[in-house]
């Protein structure tokens, strides 16, 4: 990794490189991703102690891969259970939607992973504690933010009433739906006006039970109901508030037990960890960067829960933002690169929110006649189908800092998430990320060095890029410094490149394809395009190579 650090590049002294407001899973993941790159990170969390009740209940395979990049990959299986599938059913039990999940998904992880959120936060906290660059200040509430040319000052009140100031090069608001950072910046919010109130019931089962499939949506107009796994020994039921029903009446423990009883969940079979009502919303912040302050996670977007993408979207925010902040702070990219974070993630989130709203409009139907018409239409469309479907691949990014060479060609789509297979190197075999390492990857079927030349090679080295050459099984590995040879154990990656008529693909640290190439000259042009994108606004002679 480059030894250039922010304090070498900035004249104004700071307490930290990045201040993160909020230590939920998004803030915690972002702090680790930054500290792993050698940055100084200060996390300001208003709660004096960790929040021990669950909120999110699952994450998809792409998110599992991103979480593994924080260094907790070998422990994720301890706190999760793979989900087997997701079904929508009518009140009569007919199947409206059926998706089967694989325990070995497209991205090297189970398609869906159920979890108890406090357990995930414990893993992230332990990882953060092991990194010297992270300082977590609990009981510290941000009350003011002042921006300057090269720094941002956050005024903080502590639990004992004292006031202090934390000065950083950049600040990120990961402080949730009621974000102080967003409100203080005066960022407008787009609200789609789609919201319903639900009773959420988290339970811990006294004895193991099998639920097949793991996740079920009962589209019953008498009471739309959600059943989902939430990690080993835990499960969640959610019940929609009906028109004319009192919120106060629904939000009672006796109501929770009454609604749970038909599912065999009683005080004799389970412990009710929490029952509370919540109102989901469909909103996004219209700006994600204001000067030296950025937004991520629920501070930037909220969505209905029906696609299970709320926390996943926040983790994607953290993964996108971390490497861009790192390059900016190390002088390897212009600060304008951070605008591509907002451009890429905001549109991606808009699509997810709108998809979740569409699902919600199907599910949240309480009129019997409308529900009957919905059921008949969906069931008619399912006629002739045999077996469950598969989950769709992760949605690609668009706009922002993405290569354009593959546009109009058969190459992998710029912005798509690259799948993950097994490779072998120096006697070890495993998933690509674990064997090769994380960061930028130039994956090729030949030796790219002659075409790249010294200048491009120096640029890739400054970015800590893994230049990886795929070899067929049985081939001898080249131990020459700078090039990583891997055996494509199952032919996975060669098939991927062949399918897309490409010989090389340039992959970003968040696993999105920057662009693809066919032949050495295209590969060199692709590297030039990345450099031009990163240094677009850097004055001539100031870019670090």
Protein backbone atom coordinates (compact mmCIF):
# COMPACT_ATOMS: atom_id res chain seq x y z
CA UNK A 1 0.00 0.00 0.00
CA UNK A 2 1.15 3.53 -0.73
CA UNK A 3 2.82 5.17 2.27
CA UNK A 4 1.48 8.63 1.35
CA UNK A 5 -0.87 9.68 4.13
CA UNK A 6 -3.23 12.68 4.39
CA UNK A 7 -1.10 14.58 6.91
CA UNK A 8 1.62 14.74 4.25
CA UNK A 9 -0.71 16.45 1.78
CA UNK A 10 -2.72 18.97 3.81
CA UNK A 11 -1.51 22.12 5.51
CA UNK A 12 -4.36 22.37 8.04
CA UNK A 13 -3.90 20.12 11.11
CA UNK A 14 -6.76 17.78 12.03
CA UNK A 15 -7.62 15.36 14.80
CA UNK A 16 -8.60 12.67 12.32
CA UNK A 17 -8.84 12.00 8.60
CA UNK A 18 -12.53 11.06 8.60
CA UNK A 19 -15.16 11.69 11.28
CA UNK A 20 -18.15 9.35 11.11
CA UNK A 21 -21.35 10.33 12.87
CA UNK A 22 -23.17 7.17 13.97
CA UNK A 23 -21.85 3.71 14.85
CA UNK A 24 -24.58 1.46 13.49
CA UNK A 25 -23.60 -1.22 10.98
CA UNK A 26 -23.04 1.33 8.20
CA UNK A 27 -20.85 3.67 10.22
CA UNK A 28 -18.98 0.74 11.77
CA UNK A 29 -18.35 -0.93 8.40
CA UNK A 30 -17.18 2.35 6.88
CA UNK A 31 -14.81 3.01 9.79
CA UNK A 32 -13.19 -0.41 9.36
CA UNK A 33 -12.88 -0.12 5.58
CA UNK A 34 -11.13 3.22 6.01
CA UNK A 35 -8.86 2.17 8.89
CA UNK A 36 -7.77 -0.92 6.98
CA UNK A 37 -6.37 1.49 4.39
CA UNK A 38 -4.30 3.24 7.05
CA UNK A 39 -6.59 6.21 7.66
CA UNK A 40 -7.33 7.79 11.03
CA UNK A 41 -11.04 7.49 11.79
CA UNK A 42 -13.08 8.93 14.65
CA UNK A 43 -16.61 7.60 15.18
CA UNK A 44 -19.02 9.81 17.14
CA UNK A 45 -21.96 7.87 18.56
CA UNK A 46 -24.65 9.49 20.67
CA UNK A 47 -25.67 6.25 22.43
CA UNK A 48 -23.51 5.50 25.48
CA UNK A 49 -23.87 1.73 24.94
CA UNK A 50 -24.51 -0.58 21.97
CA UNK A 51 -28.13 -0.93 20.90
CA UNK A 52 -29.04 -4.54 21.70
CA UNK A 53 -32.33 -4.94 19.82
CA UNK A 54 -32.47 -6.18 16.21
CA UNK A 55 -33.51 -3.98 13.31
CA UNK A 56 -32.37 -5.49 10.01
CA UNK A 57 -32.78 -9.27 9.78
CA UNK A 58 -30.85 -10.32 6.68
CA UNK A 59 -28.39 -9.39 3.96
CA UNK A 60 -27.83 -10.74 0.47
CA UNK A 61 -24.79 -12.46 -1.03
CA UNK A 62 -23.28 -9.28 -2.45
CA UNK A 63 -23.52 -7.62 0.96
CA UNK A 64 -21.96 -10.66 2.64
CA UNK A 65 -19.01 -10.25 0.29
CA UNK A 66 -18.71 -6.56 1.18
CA UNK A 67 -18.91 -7.33 4.89
CA UNK A 68 -16.21 -9.99 4.46
CA UNK A 69 -14.00 -7.21 3.09
CA UNK A 70 -14.01 -5.67 6.59
CA UNK A 71 -12.13 -8.71 7.87
CA UNK A 72 -15.02 -10.56 9.52
CA UNK A 73 -15.61 -13.08 6.73
CA UNK A 74 -14.42 -16.08 8.75
CA UNK A 75 -16.97 -15.27 11.48
CA UNK A 76 -20.05 -14.41 9.45
CA UNK A 77 -21.25 -18.02 9.39
CA UNK A 78 -21.31 -18.07 13.21
CA UNK A 79 -24.01 -15.39 13.42
CA UNK A 80 -26.06 -16.18 10.30
CA UNK A 81 -28.20 -18.88 8.79
CA UNK A 82 -28.69 -19.15 5.02
CA UNK A 83 -32.31 -18.56 3.98
CA UNK A 84 -33.81 -21.26 1.79
CA UNK A 85 -36.26 -19.10 -0.09
CA UNK A 86 -38.89 -16.37 -0.20
CA UNK A 87 -42.57 -17.01 -0.97
CA UNK A 88 -45.63 -14.86 -1.30
CA UNK A 89 -48.87 -16.67 -0.50
CA UNK A 90 -52.53 -15.83 -0.75
CA UNK A 91 -54.80 -16.10 2.27
CA UNK A 92 -55.72 -19.59 0.96
CA UNK A 93 -52.08 -20.63 0.75
CA UNK A 94 -51.63 -20.42 -3.03
CA UNK A 95 -48.19 -19.35 -4.20
CA UNK A 96 -47.97 -15.93 -5.84
CA UNK A 97 -44.17 -15.68 -5.90
CA UNK A 98 -41.54 -18.32 -5.24
CA UNK A 99 -37.79 -17.69 -5.13
CA UNK A 100 -35.26 -20.31 -4.06
CA UNK A 101 -31.98 -19.19 -2.48
CA UNK A 102 -28.70 -21.03 -2.93
CA UNK A 103 -26.21 -21.55 -0.11
CA UNK A 104 -23.42 -21.03 -2.67
CA UNK A 105 -24.52 -17.95 -4.55
CA UNK A 106 -23.20 -15.97 -7.48
CA UNK A 107 -20.90 -13.86 -5.33
CA UNK A 108 -19.33 -16.66 -3.30
CA UNK A 109 -21.77 -16.39 -0.38
CA UNK A 110 -25.31 -17.61 0.28
CA UNK A 111 -27.92 -15.69 -1.71
CA UNK A 112 -29.64 -14.63 1.53
CA UNK A 113 -28.22 -14.62 5.06
CA UNK A 114 -30.52 -14.21 8.07
CA UNK A 115 -28.95 -12.61 11.12
CA UNK A 116 -29.47 -11.13 14.56
CA UNK A 117 -28.24 -7.57 14.01
CA UNK A 118 -26.66 -7.08 17.45
CA UNK A 119 -24.42 -10.08 16.72
CA UNK A 120 -23.27 -8.50 13.46
CA UNK A 121 -22.54 -5.23 15.23
CA UNK A 122 -20.49 -7.12 17.84
CA UNK A 123 -18.33 -8.59 15.07
CA UNK A 124 -17.77 -5.16 13.53
CA UNK A 125 -17.01 -3.64 16.93
CA UNK A 126 -14.41 -6.33 17.67
CA UNK A 127 -12.82 -5.77 14.28
CA UNK A 128 -12.74 -2.01 14.83
CA UNK A 129 -11.13 -2.47 18.26
CA UNK A 130 -8.31 -4.46 16.63
CA UNK A 131 -7.41 -1.61 14.27
CA UNK A 132 -5.20 1.15 15.70
CA UNK A 133 -6.59 3.87 13.43
CA UNK A 134 -10.14 3.85 14.85
CA UNK A 135 -11.36 5.83 17.84
CA UNK A 136 -14.98 5.25 18.87
CA UNK A 137 -16.42 7.92 21.16
CA UNK A 138 -19.73 6.82 22.70
CA UNK A 139 -22.04 9.22 24.45
CA UNK A 140 -20.91 11.96 22.05
CA UNK A 141 -23.72 13.84 20.31
CA UNK A 142 -22.87 16.12 17.38
CA UNK A 143 -24.58 19.49 17.78
CA UNK A 144 -22.87 21.65 15.16
CA UNK A 145 -20.81 21.31 11.97
CA UNK A 146 -18.59 24.02 10.52
CA UNK A 147 -16.78 23.63 7.21
CA UNK A 148 -13.46 25.16 6.15
CA UNK A 149 -11.28 24.89 3.04
CA UNK A 150 -9.44 21.71 3.99
CA UNK A 151 -11.28 20.53 7.06
CA UNK A 152 -14.60 20.22 8.84
CA UNK A 153 -15.14 20.87 12.55
CA UNK A 154 -17.79 18.96 14.50
CA UNK A 155 -18.94 20.32 17.84
CA UNK A 156 -19.83 17.49 20.21
CA UNK A 157 -21.65 17.35 23.54
CA UNK A 158 -20.76 14.50 25.90
CA UNK A 159 -23.06 12.77 28.38
CA UNK A 160 -21.64 14.80 31.24
CA UNK A 161 -22.53 18.06 29.47
CA UNK A 162 -19.02 18.93 28.33
CA UNK A 163 -18.37 20.27 24.83
CA UNK A 164 -15.48 19.47 22.53
CA UNK A 165 -14.57 19.88 18.88
CA UNK A 166 -13.37 17.16 16.51
CA UNK A 167 -11.60 18.40 13.37
CA UNK A 168 -11.42 16.12 10.31
CA UNK A 169 -10.63 16.34 6.61
CA UNK A 170 -14.01 14.77 5.81
CA UNK A 171 -17.15 13.85 7.73
CA UNK A 172 -19.82 11.27 6.95
CA UNK A 173 -23.30 11.25 8.43
CA UNK A 174 -24.32 7.65 9.14
CA UNK A 175 -26.71 8.75 11.86
CA UNK A 176 -29.91 7.10 10.71
CA UNK A 177 -33.38 8.08 9.59
CA UNK A 178 -33.57 11.12 11.89
CA UNK A 179 -30.11 12.27 10.84
CA UNK A 180 -28.84 15.40 12.56
CA UNK A 181 -26.19 15.74 9.86
CA UNK A 182 -28.74 15.77 7.04
CA UNK A 183 -30.98 18.22 8.86
CA UNK A 184 -28.09 20.51 9.79
CA UNK A 185 -26.93 20.64 6.18
CA UNK A 186 -30.45 21.54 5.07
CA UNK A 187 -30.54 18.72 2.53
CA UNK A 188 -34.00 18.34 0.93
CA UNK A 189 -35.58 14.90 0.83
CA UNK A 190 -37.75 13.31 -1.84
CA UNK A 191 -40.62 11.39 -0.22
CA UNK A 192 -42.71 9.10 -2.43
CA UNK A 193 -45.52 9.24 0.13
CA UNK A 194 -45.79 5.45 0.40
CA UNK A 195 -45.96 4.38 4.06
CA UNK A 196 -47.82 1.95 6.27
CA UNK A 197 -47.63 1.10 9.95
CA UNK A 198 -46.72 -2.43 11.01
CA UNK A 199 -46.34 -4.25 14.33
CA UNK A 200 -42.87 -5.80 14.52
CA UNK A 201 -42.39 -8.84 16.77
CA UNK A 202 -38.90 -10.25 17.35
CA UNK A 203 -38.85 -13.60 19.11
CA UNK A 204 -36.26 -16.05 20.38
CA UNK A 205 -37.51 -19.60 19.98
CA UNK A 206 -37.13 -21.98 22.92
CA UNK A 207 -36.68 -25.02 20.65
CA UNK A 208 -35.35 -25.27 17.08
CA UNK A 209 -38.07 -25.19 14.41
CA UNK A 210 -37.90 -25.61 10.66
CA UNK A 211 -39.55 -22.99 8.51
CA UNK A 212 -39.71 -23.82 4.82
CA UNK A 213 -39.11 -21.58 3.06
CA UNK A 214 -37.36 -19.34 5.52
CA UNK A 215 -39.17 -16.15 4.50
CA UNK A 216 -42.88 -15.87 3.72
CA UNK A 217 -45.18 -13.01 2.87
CA UNK A 218 -48.84 -13.75 3.50
CA UNK A 219 -50.85 -11.47 1.21
CA UNK A 220 -54.05 -11.73 3.24
CA UNK A 221 -56.32 -8.67 3.04
CA UNK A 222 -57.57 -9.54 6.52
CA UNK A 223 -54.03 -8.87 7.80
CA UNK A 224 -50.95 -8.73 5.53
CA UNK A 225 -48.25 -10.59 7.47
CA UNK A 226 -44.49 -11.13 7.11
CA UNK A 227 -42.52 -14.09 8.50
CA UNK A 228 -38.72 -13.97 8.23
CA UNK A 229 -35.69 -15.59 9.79
CA UNK A 230 -33.39 -13.36 11.82
CA UNK A 231 -30.39 -15.51 12.59
CA UNK A 232 -29.79 -18.63 14.68
CA UNK A 233 -32.65 -19.16 17.13
CA UNK A 234 -34.39 -15.90 16.20
CA UNK A 235 -37.35 -15.06 14.04
CA UNK A 236 -39.51 -12.06 13.21
CA UNK A 237 -43.22 -11.64 12.49
CA UNK A 238 -44.67 -8.37 11.22
CA UNK A 239 -48.39 -7.55 11.11
CA UNK A 240 -49.82 -4.61 9.17
CA UNK A 241 -52.12 -2.14 10.94
CA UNK A 242 -55.54 -2.31 9.34
CA UNK A 243 -57.65 0.67 8.27
CA UNK A 244 -59.56 1.99 11.27
CA UNK A 245 -57.39 0.05 13.72
CA UNK A 246 -55.88 1.99 16.60
CA UNK A 247 -52.12 2.25 16.63
CA UNK A 248 -52.18 2.21 20.42
CA UNK A 249 -54.22 -1.01 20.47
CA UNK A 250 -51.90 -2.69 17.97
CA UNK A 251 -48.83 -1.68 19.93
CA UNK A 252 -49.60 -3.80 22.98
CA UNK A 253 -47.80 -6.93 24.12
CA UNK A 254 -51.07 -8.85 24.46
CA UNK A 255 -51.87 -7.98 20.83
CA UNK A 256 -48.50 -9.35 19.76
CA UNK A 257 -49.10 -12.67 21.52
CA UNK A 258 -52.61 -12.90 20.08
CA UNK A 259 -51.34 -12.44 16.54
CA UNK A 260 -48.41 -14.81 17.05
CA UNK A 261 -50.47 -17.64 18.52
CA UNK A 262 -51.78 -19.05 15.18
CA UNK A 263 -48.14 -19.62 14.19
CA UNK A 264 -47.41 -21.70 17.28
CA UNK A 265 -45.58 -18.87 18.99
CA UNK A 266 -46.67 -18.49 22.60
CA UNK A 267 -44.98 -17.62 25.91
CA UNK A 268 -44.39 -21.38 26.29
CA UNK A 269 -42.49 -21.69 23.00
CA UNK A 270 -40.71 -18.35 22.61
CA UNK A 271 -39.45 -15.22 24.31
CA UNK A 272 -40.75 -11.96 22.90
CA UNK A 273 -37.66 -9.81 22.60
CA UNK A 274 -39.52 -6.82 21.31
CA UNK A 275 -42.91 -5.78 19.97
CA UNK A 276 -43.27 -2.29 18.60
CA UNK A 277 -44.96 -0.49 15.75
CA UNK A 278 -43.01 1.26 13.03
CA UNK A 279 -43.91 3.19 9.91
CA UNK A 280 -41.81 2.44 6.85
CA UNK A 281 -41.11 5.22 4.37
CA UNK A 282 -39.81 5.59 0.81
CA UNK A 283 -37.42 8.55 0.72
CA UNK A 284 -34.01 9.64 -0.45
CA UNK A 285 -31.82 12.67 0.16
CA UNK A 286 -31.53 14.91 -2.88
CA UNK A 287 -27.89 15.69 -2.07
CA UNK A 288 -25.38 13.20 -0.67
CA UNK A 289 -22.40 15.56 -0.51
CA UNK A 290 -22.31 19.10 0.79
CA UNK A 291 -18.74 20.37 0.76
CA UNK A 292 -16.68 18.10 3.00
CA UNK A 293 -19.66 16.30 4.50
CA UNK A 294 -21.33 13.23 2.98
CA UNK A 295 -24.35 11.08 3.84
CA UNK A 296 -24.68 7.29 3.89
CA UNK A 297 -27.14 4.62 4.99
CA UNK A 298 -30.51 5.60 6.45
CA UNK A 299 -29.36 9.21 6.66
CA UNK A 300 -29.44 9.19 2.85
CA UNK A 301 -32.33 6.82 2.08
CA UNK A 302 -35.22 4.84 3.56
CA UNK A 303 -37.20 2.12 1.83
CA UNK A 304 -40.03 -0.36 2.45
CA UNK A 305 -38.71 -3.69 3.76
CA UNK A 306 -40.20 -6.04 1.17
CA UNK A 307 -37.03 -6.51 -0.91
CA UNK A 308 -34.76 -6.69 2.14
CA UNK A 309 -32.43 -4.01 0.75
CA UNK A 310 -32.34 -1.34 3.47
CA UNK A 311 -29.15 -2.27 5.33
CA UNK A 312 -27.70 -3.83 2.17
CA UNK A 313 -27.94 -0.47 0.42
CA UNK A 314 -26.16 1.20 3.34
CA UNK A 315 -23.30 -1.30 3.24
CA UNK A 316 -22.99 -0.63 -0.50
CA UNK A 317 -22.76 3.09 0.33
CA UNK A 318 -19.89 2.40 2.72
CA UNK A 319 -18.05 0.19 0.23
CA UNK A 320 -18.40 2.77 -2.57
CA UNK A 321 -17.37 5.69 -0.40
CA UNK A 322 -14.43 4.10 1.45
CA UNK A 323 -12.06 3.64 -1.47
CA UNK A 324 -12.93 7.02 -2.96
CA UNK A 325 -12.21 8.79 0.32
CA UNK A 326 -8.95 6.85 0.60
CA UNK A 327 -7.74 7.84 -2.88
CA UNK A 328 -8.78 11.44 -2.32
CA UNK A 329 -6.99 11.65 1.01
CA UNK A 330 -3.85 10.05 -0.44
CA UNK A 331 -3.76 12.50 -3.33
CA UNK A 332 -4.46 9.75 -5.86
CA UNK A 333 -7.77 11.24 -6.97
CA UNK A 334 -9.38 14.63 -7.11
CA UNK A 335 -12.09 15.42 -4.56
CA UNK A 336 -14.55 15.49 -7.45
CA UNK A 337 -14.42 11.69 -7.35
CA UNK A 338 -16.60 11.93 -4.24
CA UNK A 339 -19.36 13.42 -6.40
CA UNK A 340 -19.38 10.13 -8.31
CA UNK A 341 -20.25 8.40 -5.02
CA UNK A 342 -23.43 10.43 -4.83
CA UNK A 343 -24.22 9.98 -8.52
CA UNK A 344 -23.72 6.22 -8.52
CA UNK A 345 -25.35 5.37 -5.23
CA UNK A 346 -28.31 7.76 -5.36
CA UNK A 347 -29.62 6.39 -8.66
CA UNK A 348 -29.00 2.83 -7.51
CA UNK A 349 -30.96 3.48 -4.32
CA UNK A 350 -33.78 5.22 -6.18
CA UNK A 351 -34.24 2.07 -8.27
CA UNK A 352 -34.28 -0.12 -5.14
CA UNK A 353 -36.77 2.14 -3.37
CA UNK A 354 -39.10 2.23 -6.35
CA UNK A 355 -38.91 -1.56 -6.69
CA UNK A 356 -39.70 -1.95 -2.98
CA UNK A 357 -42.68 0.39 -3.36
CA UNK A 358 -44.00 -1.69 -6.26
CA UNK A 359 -43.75 -4.82 -4.11
CA UNK A 360 -45.45 -3.01 -1.25
CA UNK A 361 -48.36 -1.97 -3.45
CA UNK A 362 -48.96 -5.65 -4.17
CA UNK A 363 -48.61 -6.76 -0.56
CA UNK A 364 -50.36 -3.98 1.38
CA UNK A 365 -53.84 -4.63 0.02
CA UNK A 366 -56.65 -4.79 2.57
CA UNK A 367 -59.68 -4.59 0.26
CA UNK A 368 -60.93 -8.18 -0.31
CA UNK A 369 -62.16 -7.49 -3.85
CA UNK A 370 -58.88 -5.86 -4.87
CA UNK A 371 -56.93 -8.70 -3.26
CA UNK A 372 -59.00 -11.30 -5.13
CA UNK A 373 -58.34 -9.52 -8.41
CA UNK A 374 -54.62 -9.33 -7.63
CA UNK A 375 -54.47 -13.03 -6.77
CA UNK A 376 -56.28 -14.06 -9.94
CA UNK A 377 -53.99 -11.92 -12.12
CA UNK A 378 -50.76 -13.17 -10.53
CA UNK A 379 -51.85 -16.82 -10.46
CA UNK A 380 -52.83 -16.66 -14.12
CA UNK A 381 -49.37 -15.36 -14.94
CA UNK A 382 -47.78 -18.26 -13.05
CA UNK A 383 -49.60 -21.01 -14.94
CA UNK A 384 -47.25 -23.53 -16.43
CA UNK A 385 -44.33 -22.61 -14.18
CA UNK A 386 -42.56 -25.49 -12.49
CA UNK A 387 -40.43 -24.94 -9.43
CA UNK A 388 -39.17 -21.75 -7.83
CA UNK A 389 -37.23 -19.04 -9.59
CA UNK A 390 -33.77 -17.69 -8.80
CA UNK A 391 -32.88 -14.31 -7.32
CA UNK A 392 -31.83 -11.68 -9.83
CA UNK A 393 -28.19 -10.60 -10.01
CA UNK A 394 -27.21 -7.47 -8.10
CA UNK A 395 -28.30 -4.30 -9.83
CA UNK A 396 -25.47 -2.58 -11.75
CA UNK A 397 -24.38 0.97 -11.09
CA UNK A 398 -24.75 3.62 -13.76
CA UNK A 399 -23.10 6.98 -14.40
CA UNK A 400 -20.35 8.25 -12.17
CA UNK A 401 -16.86 6.81 -12.38
CA UNK A 402 -17.41 3.94 -14.79
CA UNK A 403 -15.55 2.91 -17.90
CA UNK A 404 -17.19 3.35 -21.26
CA UNK A 405 -15.07 1.05 -23.44
CA UNK A 406 -17.50 -1.82 -23.03
CA UNK A 407 -20.47 0.29 -24.18
CA UNK A 408 -21.83 -1.14 -27.40
CA UNK A 409 -19.64 -4.24 -27.16
CA UNK A 410 -20.20 -7.68 -25.73
CA UNK A 411 -17.92 -7.03 -22.74
CA UNK A 412 -19.10 -7.26 -19.12
CA UNK A 413 -21.37 -4.33 -18.35
CA UNK A 414 -19.59 -1.44 -16.70
CA UNK A 415 -21.12 -1.10 -13.24
CA UNK A 416 -22.13 -4.75 -12.91
CA UNK A 417 -20.97 -6.69 -9.84
CA UNK A 418 -18.37 -9.24 -10.87
CA UNK A 419 -19.24 -12.79 -9.79
CA UNK A 420 -16.83 -14.78 -7.62
CA UNK A 421 -15.36 -18.24 -8.17
CA UNK A 422 -12.51 -20.33 -6.81
CA UNK A 423 -8.86 -19.92 -7.74
CA UNK A 424 -5.57 -21.42 -6.62
CA UNK A 425 -2.25 -19.67 -6.05
CA UNK A 426 0.95 -20.86 -4.40
CA UNK A 427 -0.70 -24.04 -3.24
CA UNK A 428 -3.75 -22.42 -1.66
CA UNK A 429 -7.27 -22.72 -3.07
CA UNK A 430 -10.28 -20.64 -2.14
CA UNK A 431 -12.59 -17.84 -3.18
CA UNK A 432 -10.92 -15.23 -5.39
CA UNK A 433 -11.19 -12.40 -2.83
CA UNK A 434 -9.45 -14.43 -0.14
CA UNK A 435 -6.68 -15.82 -2.34
CA UNK A 436 -5.86 -12.66 -4.32
CA UNK A 437 -6.78 -9.93 -1.85
CA UNK A 438 -9.01 -6.88 -2.06
CA UNK A 439 -8.74 -3.56 -3.84
CA UNK A 440 -8.49 -2.75 -7.53
CA UNK A 441 -8.06 -5.87 -9.69
CA UNK A 442 -6.99 -6.09 -13.32
CA UNK A 443 -7.95 -9.62 -14.33
CA UNK A 444 -6.51 -10.82 -17.63
CA UNK A 445 -5.90 -13.96 -19.65
CA UNK A 446 -2.40 -12.86 -20.69
CA UNK A 447 0.56 -10.85 -19.41
CA UNK A 448 -0.49 -7.17 -19.72
CA UNK A 449 2.90 -5.65 -18.84
CA UNK A 450 4.28 -5.15 -22.36
CA UNK A 451 1.14 -3.26 -23.44
CA UNK A 452 0.84 -1.24 -20.24
CA UNK A 453 4.38 0.06 -20.16
CA UNK A 454 6.16 1.58 -17.16
CA UNK A 455 3.88 4.62 -16.73
CA UNK A 456 0.59 2.70 -16.56
CA UNK A 457 2.18 0.02 -14.42
CA UNK A 458 3.37 2.70 -11.96
CA UNK A 459 -0.16 4.14 -11.84
CA UNK A 460 -1.69 0.74 -11.07
CA UNK A 461 0.94 0.12 -8.40
CA UNK A 462 0.11 3.46 -6.72
CA UNK A 463 -3.50 2.24 -6.48
CA UNK A 464 -2.30 -1.05 -4.92
CA UNK A 465 -3.88 -2.89 -7.86
CA UNK A 466 -3.76 -6.67 -8.02
CA UNK A 467 -2.79 -7.50 -11.59
CA UNK A 468 -3.98 -11.08 -11.96
CA UNK A 469 -3.31 -13.45 -14.86
CA UNK A 470 -5.61 -16.44 -15.22
CA UNK A 471 -3.92 -19.76 -15.92
CA UNK A 472 -5.55 -23.06 -16.85
CA UNK A 473 -5.29 -25.99 -14.47
CA UNK A 474 -1.82 -27.54 -14.49
CA UNK A 475 -0.01 -24.44 -15.81
CA UNK A 476 3.18 -23.24 -14.14
CA UNK A 477 2.87 -20.00 -12.16
CA UNK A 478 5.20 -17.08 -12.93
CA UNK A 479 6.76 -15.80 -9.72
CA UNK A 480 7.96 -12.52 -11.26
CA UNK A 481 7.24 -9.63 -8.94
CA UNK A 482 4.17 -7.52 -9.63
CA UNK A 483 2.06 -10.07 -11.46
CA UNK A 484 -0.20 -12.53 -9.64
CA UNK A 485 -0.77 -15.82 -11.43
CA UNK A 486 -3.79 -17.84 -10.34
CA UNK A 487 -5.13 -21.18 -11.48
CA UNK A 488 -8.74 -20.85 -12.60
CA UNK A 489 -9.69 -24.02 -10.72
CA UNK A 490 -13.16 -24.53 -12.17
CA UNK A 491 -12.70 -22.53 -15.38
CA UNK A 492 -15.14 -20.03 -13.87
CA UNK A 493 -13.37 -16.82 -14.85
CA UNK A 494 -12.29 -17.92 -18.32
CA UNK A 495 -15.90 -18.85 -19.04
CA UNK A 496 -17.00 -15.44 -17.72
CA UNK A 497 -14.59 -13.55 -19.96
CA UNK A 498 -15.31 -15.77 -22.97
CA UNK A 499 -19.05 -15.26 -22.52
CA UNK A 500 -18.52 -11.51 -22.74
CA UNK A 501 -15.91 -11.59 -25.52
CA UNK A 502 -13.26 -10.01 -23.27
CA UNK A 503 -9.65 -10.79 -22.40
CA UNK A 504 -9.47 -8.44 -19.41
CA UNK A 505 -11.73 -6.79 -16.88
CA UNK A 506 -10.85 -3.97 -14.49
CA UNK A 507 -12.64 -4.36 -11.15
CA UNK A 508 -13.11 -1.65 -8.52
CA UNK A 509 -12.58 -2.22 -4.77
CA UNK A 510 -16.38 -2.43 -4.33
CA UNK A 511 -16.44 -5.33 -6.85
CA UNK A 512 -18.18 -3.35 -9.57
CA UNK A 513 -16.74 -3.67 -13.07
CA UNK A 514 -15.03 -0.43 -14.13
CA UNK A 515 -14.78 -1.70 -17.69
CA UNK A 516 -13.61 -4.56 -19.90
CA UNK A 517 -11.19 -4.92 -22.78
CA UNK A 518 -10.49 -7.23 -25.68
CA UNK A 519 -6.79 -7.34 -26.43
CA UNK A 520 -3.68 -5.57 -25.09
CA UNK A 521 -4.37 -2.18 -26.69
CA UNK A 522 -7.88 -2.08 -25.24
CA UNK A 523 -6.48 -3.03 -21.84
CA UNK A 524 -4.01 -0.13 -21.93
CA UNK A 525 -6.79 2.26 -22.98
CA UNK A 526 -8.95 1.00 -20.10
CA UNK A 527 -6.22 1.83 -17.58
CA UNK A 528 -5.85 5.27 -19.14
CA UNK A 529 -9.57 5.82 -18.76
CA UNK A 530 -9.44 5.03 -15.05
CA UNK A 531 -6.53 7.42 -14.56
CA UNK A 532 -8.31 10.17 -16.47
CA UNK A 533 -11.43 9.66 -14.36
CA UNK A 534 -9.57 9.84 -11.06
CA UNK A 535 -7.45 12.83 -12.02
CA UNK A 536 -10.06 14.68 -14.08
CA UNK A 537 -9.82 17.88 -12.03
CA UNK A 538 -6.26 17.57 -10.70
CA UNK A 539 -3.99 20.36 -12.06
CA UNK A 540 -1.29 19.11 -14.41
CA UNK A 541 1.77 17.80 -12.59
CA UNK A 542 0.02 17.36 -9.23
CA UNK A 543 -1.36 13.85 -9.68
CA UNK A 544 0.50 11.13 -7.80
CA UNK A 545 1.72 8.33 -10.10
